[in-house]
Every structure is written in structure tokens, then in C-alpha cells.
Protein backbone atom coordinates (compact mmCIF):
# COMPACT_ATOMS: atom_id res chain seq x y z
CA MET A 1 -8.73 2.64 -25.26
CA GLU A 2 -5.32 2.72 -26.87
CA ASN A 3 -3.13 5.66 -25.99
CA SER A 4 -2.40 7.03 -29.33
CA HIS A 5 -0.42 9.98 -28.18
CA PHE A 6 2.99 7.94 -28.51
CA LYS A 7 3.45 6.52 -32.09
CA GLU A 8 6.37 4.28 -30.98
CA GLN A 9 4.96 1.70 -28.55
CA VAL A 10 6.04 -1.81 -27.53
CA LYS A 11 3.08 -4.20 -28.61
CA THR A 12 4.25 -7.72 -27.65
CA LYS A 13 6.13 -9.82 -24.98
CA GLU A 14 8.61 -10.69 -27.80
CA GLU A 15 9.32 -7.02 -28.60
CA LEU A 16 9.55 -6.21 -24.81
CA ARG A 17 12.05 -9.06 -24.19
CA GLY A 18 13.97 -8.10 -27.29
CA ILE A 19 14.64 -4.83 -25.69
CA ILE A 20 15.02 -5.53 -22.07
CA GLY A 21 16.43 -8.90 -22.34
CA ALA A 22 15.68 -12.04 -20.23
CA PRO A 23 15.41 -11.93 -16.46
CA ASN A 24 18.42 -13.48 -14.52
CA LYS A 25 17.99 -16.83 -12.89
CA LEU A 26 17.78 -15.19 -9.34
CA ALA A 27 14.78 -13.09 -10.11
CA HIS A 28 12.62 -16.20 -10.38
CA GLN A 29 14.45 -18.45 -7.82
CA LYS A 30 14.07 -15.96 -5.08
CA ILE A 31 10.21 -16.13 -5.28
CA ILE A 32 8.53 -18.22 -2.56
CA SER A 33 4.99 -19.26 -1.96
CA CYS A 34 4.74 -18.76 1.79
CA LEU A 35 5.97 -16.37 4.59
CA ASP A 36 9.20 -17.84 5.90
CA ARG A 37 11.02 -16.55 9.04
CA HIS A 38 12.69 -13.78 6.99
CA CYS A 39 9.47 -12.51 5.47
CA ARG A 40 7.76 -12.49 8.94
CA GLU A 41 10.73 -10.71 10.49
CA PHE A 42 10.41 -8.06 7.75
CA ILE A 43 6.59 -7.79 8.17
CA LYS A 44 7.18 -7.41 12.13
CA HIS A 45 9.21 -4.32 11.68
CA SER A 46 7.24 -2.87 9.01
CA PRO A 47 4.98 0.30 9.81
CA PHE A 48 3.93 0.93 6.21
CA VAL A 49 2.44 -1.11 3.43
CA ILE A 50 1.08 -0.14 -0.04
CA ILE A 51 -1.97 -2.22 -1.15
CA ALA A 52 -2.52 -2.58 -4.93
CA THR A 53 -5.96 -3.85 -6.07
CA ALA A 54 -8.06 -3.64 -9.24
CA ASP A 55 -11.74 -3.92 -9.92
CA HIS A 56 -13.53 -6.45 -12.29
CA LYS A 57 -12.59 -4.28 -15.08
CA GLY A 58 -8.91 -3.92 -14.32
CA ILE A 59 -9.10 -0.46 -13.18
CA CYS A 60 -6.27 -0.11 -10.48
CA ASP A 61 -5.87 1.46 -7.18
CA SER A 62 -2.97 1.71 -4.84
CA SER A 63 -3.58 2.71 -1.33
CA PRO A 64 -1.07 3.34 1.65
CA ARG A 65 -1.58 1.78 5.05
CA GLY A 66 0.36 2.75 8.13
CA ASP A 67 0.45 2.17 11.75
CA HIS A 68 2.94 0.85 14.45
CA ALA A 69 5.65 -1.53 13.27
CA GLY A 70 4.20 -4.94 12.81
CA PHE A 71 0.62 -3.72 12.72
CA VAL A 72 0.08 -6.32 9.87
CA GLN A 73 -0.57 -9.62 11.52
CA VAL A 74 0.80 -12.75 10.19
CA VAL A 75 -1.65 -15.46 10.97
CA ASP A 76 0.34 -18.34 9.71
CA GLU A 77 2.70 -18.95 6.68
CA LYS A 78 0.00 -18.47 4.15
CA ARG A 79 -2.19 -15.61 5.64
CA LEU A 80 -1.86 -12.07 6.63
CA LEU A 81 -4.52 -9.63 8.28
CA ILE A 82 -4.48 -5.84 7.70
CA PRO A 83 -6.54 -3.76 9.85
CA GLU A 84 -8.95 -1.44 8.05
CA ARG A 85 -8.73 1.78 10.07
CA SER A 86 -11.28 4.60 9.79
CA GLY A 87 -10.88 7.06 7.09
CA ASN A 88 -13.14 8.77 4.42
CA GLN A 89 -15.27 5.79 3.92
CA LYS A 90 -14.35 5.71 0.19
CA VAL A 91 -12.98 2.20 0.53
CA ASP A 92 -11.73 1.65 -2.99
CA SER A 93 -9.40 -1.20 -2.01
CA LEU A 94 -12.45 -3.12 -0.24
CA GLU A 95 -14.84 -2.59 -3.12
CA ASN A 96 -12.25 -3.73 -5.66
CA ILE A 97 -11.64 -6.96 -3.48
CA LEU A 98 -15.35 -7.73 -3.65
CA SER A 99 -15.15 -8.12 -7.47
CA ASN A 100 -11.42 -9.02 -7.84
CA PRO A 101 -9.68 -10.77 -4.96
CA GLN A 102 -6.11 -10.43 -6.39
CA ILE A 103 -3.99 -8.15 -4.30
CA GLY A 104 -0.38 -6.88 -4.17
CA LEU A 105 1.41 -5.59 -1.16
CA LEU A 106 4.64 -3.62 -0.84
CA PHE A 107 6.09 -3.43 2.70
CA LEU A 108 8.54 -0.82 3.62
CA ILE A 109 10.87 -0.41 6.66
CA PRO A 110 12.24 3.25 7.21
CA GLY A 111 15.89 3.11 6.37
CA ILE A 112 15.87 -0.09 4.61
CA GLU A 113 16.33 0.06 0.93
CA GLU A 114 14.95 -3.34 0.10
CA THR A 115 11.23 -4.01 0.23
CA LEU A 116 9.01 -7.03 0.66
CA ARG A 117 6.52 -7.75 -2.15
CA VAL A 118 3.62 -10.19 -1.40
CA ASN A 119 0.99 -11.15 -3.89
CA GLY A 120 -2.01 -13.16 -3.24
CA LYS A 121 -5.85 -13.32 -2.90
CA ALA A 122 -7.73 -11.32 -0.49
CA CYS A 123 -11.11 -11.37 1.36
CA ILE A 124 -12.74 -8.85 3.76
CA VAL A 125 -13.06 -10.09 7.41
CA LYS A 126 -15.47 -9.08 10.03
CA ASP A 127 -14.60 -11.62 12.81
CA LYS A 128 -14.87 -9.71 16.12
CA THR A 129 -12.38 -12.10 17.70
CA MET A 130 -9.82 -11.34 15.03
CA LEU A 131 -10.48 -7.62 14.80
CA GLU A 132 -10.10 -7.07 18.61
CA THR A 133 -6.48 -8.28 18.42
CA MET A 134 -5.89 -5.21 16.45
CA THR A 135 -7.25 -2.71 18.69
CA VAL A 136 -5.39 0.51 19.23
CA HIS A 137 -6.18 3.37 21.47
CA ASN A 138 -9.33 1.58 22.39
CA LYS A 139 -10.33 1.74 18.72
CA THR A 140 -11.23 -1.69 17.07
CA PRO A 141 -11.30 -1.58 13.35
CA LEU A 142 -14.69 -2.53 11.81
CA LEU A 143 -13.04 -4.65 9.14
CA ALA A 144 -9.85 -6.28 8.17
CA ILE A 145 -8.26 -7.40 4.81
CA SER A 146 -7.11 -11.05 4.85
CA VAL A 147 -4.64 -12.09 2.27
CA GLU A 148 -3.78 -15.56 1.24
CA VAL A 149 -0.27 -15.55 0.16
CA GLN A 150 0.53 -16.79 -3.28
CA GLU A 151 4.10 -15.51 -3.91
CA CYS A 152 6.45 -13.29 -1.89
CA PHE A 153 10.03 -12.00 -2.43
CA LEU A 154 12.42 -9.21 -1.45
CA HIS A 155 12.72 -6.60 -3.97
CA CYS A 156 16.17 -5.08 -4.79
CA SER A 157 17.20 -1.50 -3.47
CA LYS A 158 17.89 0.22 -6.66
CA ALA A 159 14.71 2.22 -6.51
CA PHE A 160 15.65 3.73 -3.09
CA LYS A 161 19.37 4.00 -3.93
CA ARG A 162 18.46 6.14 -7.07
CA SER A 163 15.81 8.22 -5.22
CA LYS A 164 17.87 8.54 -2.10
CA LEU A 165 14.54 8.44 -0.24
CA TRP A 166 15.90 7.59 3.22
CA ASN A 167 18.64 10.20 2.88
CA PRO A 168 17.46 13.54 4.65
CA GLU A 169 20.18 15.52 2.97
CA SER A 170 18.66 14.87 -0.55
CA TRP A 171 15.11 15.89 0.51
CA GLU A 172 13.84 18.66 -1.66
CA ARG A 173 12.36 21.54 0.23
CA VAL A 174 8.79 22.30 -0.75
CA GLU A 175 7.93 25.43 1.00
CA THR A 176 6.12 26.56 -2.36
CA LEU A 177 3.80 23.59 -2.43
CA PRO A 178 0.45 24.55 -1.33
CA SER A 179 -1.02 22.93 1.89
CA ALA A 180 -2.93 19.68 1.68
CA ALA A 181 -6.04 21.39 2.59
CA LYS A 182 -5.61 24.02 -0.27
CA ILE A 183 -5.00 21.36 -2.78
CA VAL A 184 -8.09 19.19 -1.67
CA ALA A 185 -10.18 22.35 -1.56
CA GLU A 186 -9.35 23.19 -5.11
CA HIS A 187 -9.81 19.63 -6.52
CA ALA A 188 -13.22 19.22 -4.56
CA GLY A 189 -14.40 22.85 -5.68
CA PHE A 190 -14.60 24.11 -2.10
CA SER A 191 -13.62 27.61 -0.95
CA ASN A 192 -13.23 27.33 2.70
CA LEU A 193 -11.86 23.73 3.37
CA GLU A 194 -8.90 24.95 5.35
CA SER A 195 -11.06 27.00 7.80
CA ARG A 196 -13.21 23.97 8.50
CA THR A 197 -10.20 21.61 8.96
CA ASN A 198 -7.51 21.89 11.50
CA PRO A 199 -4.40 19.87 9.92
CA GLU A 200 -2.51 19.42 13.21
CA GLU A 201 -5.69 18.18 15.01
CA SER A 202 -6.48 15.82 12.22
CA LYS A 203 -2.81 14.14 12.38
CA THR A 204 -3.07 13.75 16.14
CA GLN A 205 -6.64 13.31 17.22
CA HIS A 206 -8.40 11.43 14.60
CA LEU A 207 -5.92 8.60 13.66
CA TYR A 208 -8.10 5.82 14.56
CA GLU A 209 -11.61 7.29 13.94
CA LYS A 210 -13.13 9.01 11.21
CA LYS A 211 -13.37 12.82 11.18
CA PRO A 212 -16.02 14.24 8.96
CA LEU A 213 -15.11 17.51 7.10
């Protein structure tokens, strides 16, 4: 459905390029089709990745994944393996992959303003031998996301420089922000979610296993 709220909209690629201009040569030249030693080293030190997927209708989803640095395994120069840790069983990313295997990954390293972008095709893996290599605290993931790399490149640091994301002195104080439990309770229509949930316990004791509400 077209968004009619804004009257002035860009409608064509030609119009877009007329406003933005052409990309510089480096923007295309830096894209590679495999994980070279630099990409592998970046992933080795990354404790956090954002996964972007879409279903067969093109409805998008982005989901964060975090663990110890290097938790995403580099199988070889064309394949990655991401453990699917226990969560709320909603598994939007996994359901999307079943209908549309295209996937985008954004790797972050704390304190580093550049990010690594990886795009490719995904599938869901249940090979026990592979899953056991990703065991943490005696908890083996039930599944993993395998990504066949199609392109990868280092993204520039401008977004992080503008946001000052890694600069603690710029961090906004959010004492007025309601607790996560209160926000979720209101969104879900519950009145007593906080009393049924211990946030600190959830953070420390249920990182690798599901915790029902």
C-alpha cells in the first residue's frame, strides 16, 4: 500500500540518483564475494550481529544476536554458522528463511566504528555434530542458521561517529524510561508482568535456555 501521507516522494531510481548522485568507485570496488582473512578476523572479534530477513511477501524483520566474541562460526570462505539460542519461540527469522532464504548480516565490535556487512542465502541446520561445537554452559542450540556468503564489505564509520554510540559521555540518561517489563506488559495487555518476572534473574540465569513467563 502506497504511503499517501507524504505528497513529495521519490518514485524512480533516476529521480533518486538525480538527488543523491552516483556512488563513488570505491563503494563498488570494496565489495567481495567471500570471507577473506580480514572479514574472518572481524567476525572472530564480534560478539553481536543483527540479522535481517524478509518473508515471501517482502515483510521485513531485523533481529539481534549476541554471545561471546566469535560466536558466529566461519565454516569456510563462503559459509557462516549462527547458533539459534533459546528465546521466546517466536522465531521470526527462521520462519522467514523457510520462505525466503535471502539474509543480511551486520557485525559489530564494541568500540569499533566500522561494521561488517554480509549478504547471502540462509538455511536452517539441525546437524548435531555442528550444533555441539556451539555448546555454551552445557547448552547446545537446537538449530543454527547457515549463511552462504554472496557479498561482504566493511561499512564506513559515519553512523557511529554521528551517534557517538561508543562514547559513554554522550549517552543519554534514561531514568524516566519505564522498565522493559512495564513496557511489555502494556503492549501485551498484562497487568502484573513485573511481579511474574525477575529482570536480573532473567539476565543472568536464563541466557541459554527458554524461560516461560
